[in-house]
Protein backbone atom coordinates (compact mmCIF):
# COMPACT_ATOMS: atom_id res chain seq x y z
CA MET A 1 16.92 216.88 159.39
CA PHE A 2 13.76 214.78 159.23
CA GLU A 3 13.62 211.23 157.87
CA HIS A 4 10.41 210.62 155.86
CA PHE A 5 9.24 207.23 154.61
CA PHE A 6 7.14 206.93 151.41
CA GLN A 7 6.47 204.70 148.42
CA CYS A 8 8.48 205.14 145.23
CA PRO A 9 6.15 206.17 142.35
CA TYR A 10 8.09 203.82 140.01
CA CYS A 11 9.02 200.59 141.85
CA TRP A 12 6.47 200.93 144.74
CA GLU A 13 9.14 200.02 147.31
CA GLU A 14 9.12 201.90 150.64
CA ILE A 15 12.04 204.23 150.79
CA SER A 16 13.11 207.15 152.98
CA MET A 17 14.69 210.50 152.36
CA LEU A 18 16.12 213.05 154.66
CA LEU A 19 14.22 216.36 154.55
CA ASP A 20 15.57 219.64 155.85
CA SER A 21 12.95 220.98 158.24
CA SER A 22 14.73 224.36 158.46
CA VAL A 23 13.59 225.15 154.87
CA THR A 24 9.89 225.81 154.89
CA GLU A 25 9.16 224.82 151.26
CA GLN A 26 11.30 222.71 148.93
CA GLN A 27 10.97 221.19 145.50
CA TYR A 28 13.81 219.10 143.98
CA VAL A 29 14.62 215.85 142.22
CA GLU A 30 16.32 212.90 143.87
CA ASP A 31 16.86 209.33 142.64
CA CYS A 32 15.14 206.38 144.25
CA GLU A 33 17.63 204.37 146.27
CA VAL A 34 16.10 201.08 144.96
CA CYS A 35 15.38 201.62 141.23
CA CYS A 36 17.43 204.75 140.60
CA ASN A 37 14.55 206.57 138.79
CA PRO A 38 14.23 210.35 139.38
CA ILE A 39 11.57 211.40 141.85
CA GLU A 40 10.28 214.90 142.11
CA ILE A 41 10.05 215.78 145.82
CA PHE A 42 7.89 218.55 147.24
CA SER A 43 7.77 219.25 150.98
CA VAL A 44 6.37 221.99 153.23
CA PHE A 45 7.27 222.46 156.88
CA GLU A 46 5.56 224.71 159.44
CA SER A 47 7.11 225.07 162.90
CA ASN A 48 9.52 222.21 162.04
CA GLU A 49 6.50 219.93 161.36
CA LEU A 50 5.94 218.32 157.88
CA VAL A 51 2.54 219.52 156.67
CA ALA A 52 2.70 218.56 153.00
CA PHE A 53 4.70 216.00 151.00
CA GLU A 54 4.52 214.74 147.44
CA ALA A 55 6.75 212.28 145.60
CA ASN A 56 5.99 212.20 141.89
CA SER A 57 7.46 210.43 138.83
CA LEU A 58 8.92 212.63 136.11
CA GLU A 59 7.31 210.53 133.32
CA GLN A 60 4.69 212.39 131.33
């Protein structure tokens, strides 16, 4: 597991999430621990190193 810190796209607070580095590419939704809004998470790992990360709001 890999802890990654980033800014929530809703409340702009710095939060962290645990990412599974054994899965090379993931896309899922997880709620912000501060404001509880849903965040779409996208991560890519190569050789257990995070090479791409996005945290996007689900608002259109």
